Amino acid sequence: MAARIASGKPREDRASGRAGATPRKEADPAGAPTAAALRPRLRALRAAMPAAERAEADARIAGFLQGRIHDYLASGRWGGRRVVLSAFWPIGDEPDLRPALHAWAQDDRLELALPVVLTPAAPLEFRAWTPGTAMAPGAYRIPEPQGTPARVPDIVLVPTLGYTVDGDRIGYGGGYYDRTLAALRQGGRETLALGIAYACGRLAPDVHVPEPHDMRLDEIISEEGWMAGPHAAR
């Protein structure tokens, strides 16, 4: 994957664990640390971001993401029909894209959706969302749309804890997005997966070795810009 940072040169890594830092590979004769071993460090790096830095990063992520969505809509790759964009409701220390969701809701070219967990260890369902949609806590206490129809997304925004320049993602361990992306892509539908992450989640190339079932992302968007993934030219 060609790593393209749209905003210019990324900030240098810092030992402080702030944005831009990269978890170091531990000595392990069996190879690179597993995703399970990396998650606590990645969570700690994200949680260490000061509130002001986090708010600034959220605004920058939203700006880059809005630019990418605009580019995709302008490309005409979906033949002029309304494009279904699945976002996510933030929990914990995730980037908060809710202001962008309200802006996208005014764009007639888009239909928004949010993920719903219907069955454990199964692909996600996506339900239509507007600013007036009733929400209620679902699985893992994440707010989910109530009483709206299911939609099949064209673009999926994927919450991402850690990532590599090859488009490999570390999530939270439930496997929901891997199963969902596999099901969407096996169905032959052109579905773009855009990882949303803080730059502190960037991993060195030899730190993370993905599992065979892990689904690569098409792009990763952080506060430092966006990187095009292996499927970006599809």
Protein backbone atom coordinates (compact mmCIF):
# COMPACT_ATOMS: atom_id res chain seq x y z
CA MET A 1 0.00 0.00 0.00
CA ALA A 2 1.36 3.39 -0.89
CA ALA A 3 1.32 5.49 2.26
CA ARG A 4 0.06 8.93 1.31
CA ILE A 5 -0.33 11.49 4.08
CA ALA A 6 -2.52 14.20 2.63
CA SER A 7 -1.65 16.81 5.22
CA GLY A 8 2.09 16.68 4.64
CA LYS A 9 4.91 15.14 6.68
CA PRO A 10 3.68 13.21 9.72
CA ARG A 11 4.86 14.35 13.11
CA GLU A 12 7.88 12.55 14.49
CA ASP A 13 7.27 9.74 16.95
CA ARG A 14 7.69 10.75 20.57
CA ALA A 15 8.52 8.59 23.56
CA SER A 16 5.88 10.36 25.64
CA GLY A 17 3.08 8.21 24.22
CA ARG A 18 1.27 11.24 22.80
CA ALA A 19 -0.14 11.37 19.25
CA GLY A 20 2.39 10.14 16.73
CA ALA A 21 4.04 7.62 19.04
CA THR A 22 4.39 4.02 17.86
CA PRO A 23 4.27 1.06 20.25
CA ARG A 24 7.60 -0.77 20.11
CA LYS A 25 7.91 -4.41 19.22
CA GLU A 26 8.64 -6.56 22.24
CA ALA A 27 11.25 -9.27 22.11
CA ASP A 28 9.30 -12.38 21.25
CA PRO A 29 10.96 -15.46 19.78
CA ALA A 30 7.63 -16.52 18.29
CA GLY A 31 7.36 -13.30 16.26
CA ALA A 32 5.47 -10.04 16.56
CA PRO A 33 3.12 -9.34 19.48
CA THR A 34 -0.45 -10.47 18.99
CA ALA A 35 -3.30 -8.00 18.61
CA ALA A 36 -4.43 -8.94 22.12
CA ALA A 37 -1.00 -7.99 23.47
CA LEU A 38 -1.01 -4.66 21.62
CA ARG A 39 -4.51 -3.52 22.62
CA PRO A 40 -3.71 -2.42 26.20
CA ARG A 41 -0.83 -0.24 25.00
CA LEU A 42 -2.89 1.22 22.18
CA ARG A 43 -5.74 1.99 24.57
CA ALA A 44 -3.31 3.65 26.98
CA LEU A 45 -1.83 5.83 24.24
CA ARG A 46 -5.28 6.96 23.17
CA ALA A 47 -6.48 7.58 26.72
CA ALA A 48 -3.39 9.71 27.42
CA MET A 49 -4.39 12.36 24.88
CA PRO A 50 -5.29 15.61 26.68
CA ALA A 51 -8.84 16.87 26.13
CA ALA A 52 -7.75 19.87 24.07
CA GLU A 53 -5.55 17.72 21.84
CA ARG A 54 -8.35 15.21 21.41
CA ALA A 55 -10.85 17.91 20.41
CA GLU A 56 -8.39 19.32 17.88
CA ALA A 57 -7.69 15.84 16.52
CA ASP A 58 -11.42 15.12 16.17
CA ALA A 59 -11.90 18.31 14.16
CA ARG A 60 -8.97 17.49 11.90
CA ILE A 61 -10.17 13.91 11.36
CA ALA A 62 -13.63 15.20 10.47
CA GLY A 63 -12.15 17.70 8.04
CA PHE A 64 -10.02 15.13 6.23
CA LEU A 65 -12.89 12.65 6.19
CA GLN A 66 -15.36 15.16 4.79
CA GLY A 67 -12.87 15.89 2.02
CA ARG A 68 -12.53 12.20 1.18
CA ILE A 69 -16.30 11.67 1.16
CA HIS A 70 -16.68 14.69 -1.13
CA ASP A 71 -14.07 13.23 -3.50
CA TYR A 72 -15.85 9.87 -3.61
CA LEU A 73 -19.23 11.48 -4.26
CA ALA A 74 -17.75 13.67 -7.00
CA SER A 75 -16.16 10.64 -8.69
CA GLY A 76 -19.55 9.27 -9.74
CA ARG A 77 -18.47 5.70 -8.98
CA TRP A 78 -21.98 4.86 -7.72
CA GLY A 79 -23.74 6.14 -10.80
CA GLY A 80 -25.37 9.17 -9.23
CA ARG A 81 -27.60 7.26 -6.80
CA ARG A 82 -27.68 8.07 -3.12
CA VAL A 83 -24.65 6.64 -1.34
CA VAL A 84 -25.19 4.83 1.96
CA LEU A 85 -22.57 5.96 4.46
CA SER A 86 -22.30 4.00 7.71
CA ALA A 87 -20.72 5.89 10.58
CA PHE A 88 -20.43 4.97 14.28
CA TRP A 89 -21.51 6.45 17.59
CA PRO A 90 -18.42 7.20 19.71
CA ILE A 91 -17.80 5.30 22.93
CA GLY A 92 -14.92 5.66 25.35
CA ASP A 93 -11.97 7.44 23.78
CA GLU A 94 -13.03 7.02 20.14
CA PRO A 95 -12.98 9.97 17.73
CA ASP A 96 -16.29 11.85 17.90
CA LEU A 97 -17.70 12.33 14.39
CA ARG A 98 -21.19 13.39 15.44
CA PRO A 99 -20.81 16.99 14.17
CA ALA A 100 -19.85 15.58 10.75
CA LEU A 101 -22.87 13.24 10.82
CA HIS A 102 -25.19 16.20 11.29
CA ALA A 103 -23.52 17.97 8.36
CA TRP A 104 -23.78 14.89 6.12
CA ALA A 105 -27.45 14.56 7.02
CA GLN A 106 -28.05 17.75 4.99
CA ASP A 107 -26.43 16.28 1.86
CA ASP A 108 -29.05 14.81 -0.49
CA ARG A 109 -26.40 12.60 -2.09
CA LEU A 110 -25.97 10.62 1.13
CA GLU A 111 -28.07 8.33 3.28
CA LEU A 112 -26.62 7.72 6.73
CA ALA A 113 -26.68 4.52 8.74
CA LEU A 114 -25.34 3.25 12.05
CA PRO A 115 -24.31 -0.31 13.01
CA VAL A 116 -26.50 -2.60 15.09
CA VAL A 117 -25.47 -5.85 16.78
CA LEU A 118 -28.28 -8.33 16.22
CA THR A 119 -26.46 -11.55 17.08
CA PRO A 120 -23.12 -12.11 18.85
CA ALA A 121 -20.29 -13.32 16.59
CA ALA A 122 -22.23 -12.38 13.43
CA PRO A 123 -21.99 -9.56 10.87
CA LEU A 124 -23.43 -6.20 11.83
CA GLU A 125 -26.69 -4.83 10.50
CA PHE A 126 -26.87 -1.18 9.47
CA ARG A 127 -29.98 0.91 10.11
CA ALA A 128 -30.87 4.26 8.61
CA TRP A 129 -30.16 7.28 10.82
CA THR A 130 -31.10 10.97 10.75
CA PRO A 131 -30.67 13.58 13.48
CA GLY A 132 -34.27 12.90 14.54
CA THR A 133 -33.93 9.10 14.81
CA ALA A 134 -34.75 7.60 18.21
CA MET A 135 -31.71 5.93 19.78
CA ALA A 136 -31.42 3.36 22.55
CA PRO A 137 -28.48 1.44 24.05
CA GLY A 138 -27.87 -1.88 22.34
CA ALA A 139 -25.10 -4.42 22.69
CA TYR A 140 -22.13 -3.11 24.70
CA ARG A 141 -24.35 -0.13 25.66
CA ILE A 142 -23.69 1.54 22.30
CA PRO A 143 -26.63 3.70 21.11
CA GLU A 144 -28.43 2.15 18.12
CA PRO A 145 -31.19 3.49 15.83
CA GLN A 146 -34.69 2.35 16.72
CA GLY A 147 -37.45 1.58 14.23
CA THR A 148 -35.60 2.48 11.03
CA PRO A 149 -35.04 0.21 8.00
CA ALA A 150 -31.88 -1.76 7.35
CA ARG A 151 -29.46 -0.43 4.75
CA VAL A 152 -26.47 -1.95 2.92
CA PRO A 153 -23.55 0.50 3.13
CA ASP A 154 -21.42 1.69 0.26
CA ILE A 155 -18.90 3.32 2.62
CA VAL A 156 -18.23 1.98 6.11
CA LEU A 157 -16.41 4.13 8.68
CA VAL A 158 -14.59 1.65 10.89
CA PRO A 159 -13.48 2.58 14.43
CA THR A 160 -9.81 1.66 14.57
CA LEU A 161 -7.59 1.26 17.61
CA GLY A 162 -4.35 0.44 15.78
CA TYR A 163 -3.30 0.31 12.13
CA THR A 164 -0.37 -0.26 9.79
CA VAL A 165 0.61 1.35 6.49
CA ASP A 166 -0.59 -1.85 4.81
CA GLY A 167 -4.15 -1.14 5.88
CA ASP A 168 -4.20 -3.80 8.59
CA ARG A 169 -6.41 -2.91 11.56
CA ILE A 170 -6.48 -3.73 15.24
CA GLY A 171 -9.98 -3.37 16.64
CA TYR A 172 -11.42 -4.31 20.00
CA GLY A 173 -11.33 -8.07 19.62
CA GLY A 174 -14.97 -8.83 18.87
CA GLY A 175 -14.41 -9.41 15.16
CA TYR A 176 -17.64 -7.67 14.17
CA TYR A 177 -16.18 -5.47 11.45
CA ASP A 178 -14.01 -8.26 10.03
CA ARG A 179 -17.07 -10.49 9.68
CA THR A 180 -19.13 -7.63 8.29
CA LEU A 181 -16.60 -6.54 5.67
CA ALA A 182 -16.02 -10.15 4.64
CA ALA A 183 -19.76 -10.65 4.13
CA LEU A 184 -20.15 -7.41 2.17
CA ARG A 185 -17.18 -8.09 -0.08
CA GLN A 186 -18.12 -11.73 -0.68
CA GLY A 187 -21.51 -10.52 -1.82
CA GLY A 188 -19.85 -8.69 -4.69
CA ARG A 189 -20.94 -5.21 -3.55
CA GLU A 190 -18.39 -2.44 -3.85
CA THR A 191 -18.00 -1.40 -0.23
CA LEU A 192 -15.24 0.94 0.91
CA ALA A 193 -13.88 0.54 4.43
CA LEU A 194 -12.35 3.72 5.87
CA GLY A 195 -10.59 3.29 9.19
CA ILE A 196 -10.97 6.17 11.66
CA ALA A 197 -8.10 6.38 14.13
CA TYR A 198 -5.87 8.65 16.12
CA ALA A 199 -2.30 8.85 14.86
CA CYS A 200 -1.02 7.39 18.14
CA GLY A 201 -2.40 4.08 16.89
CA ARG A 202 0.00 3.90 13.96
CA LEU A 203 2.15 0.76 14.19
CA ALA A 204 5.55 0.09 12.70
CA PRO A 205 5.41 -2.37 9.77
CA ASP A 206 6.94 -5.29 11.72
CA VAL A 207 4.91 -4.81 14.91
CA HIS A 208 1.60 -6.33 13.88
CA VAL A 209 1.07 -9.50 11.87
CA PRO A 210 -2.61 -9.83 10.91
CA GLU A 211 -4.59 -13.02 11.23
CA PRO A 212 -5.91 -14.70 8.05
CA HIS A 213 -9.47 -13.58 8.84
CA ASP A 214 -8.51 -9.91 9.35
CA MET A 215 -9.95 -7.64 6.66
CA ARG A 216 -7.77 -4.84 5.34
CA LEU A 217 -9.01 -1.27 5.20
CA ASP A 218 -9.20 0.76 2.01
CA GLU A 219 -8.02 3.93 3.72
CA ILE A 220 -7.09 5.13 7.19
CA ILE A 221 -7.95 8.67 8.25
CA SER A 222 -6.29 10.20 11.30
CA GLU A 223 -5.63 13.76 12.44
CA GLU A 224 -2.41 13.63 10.37
CA GLY A 225 -4.20 12.96 7.07
CA TRP A 226 -5.24 9.91 5.10
CA MET A 227 -3.44 6.87 3.78
CA ALA A 228 -4.70 5.00 0.72
CA GLY A 229 -5.16 1.28 1.22
CA PRO A 230 -4.73 -1.71 -1.09
CA HIS A 231 -8.26 -1.52 -2.53
CA ALA A 232 -8.39 2.25 -3.10
CA ALA A 233 -8.19 1.96 -6.89
CA ARG A 234 -11.06 -0.53 -7.18
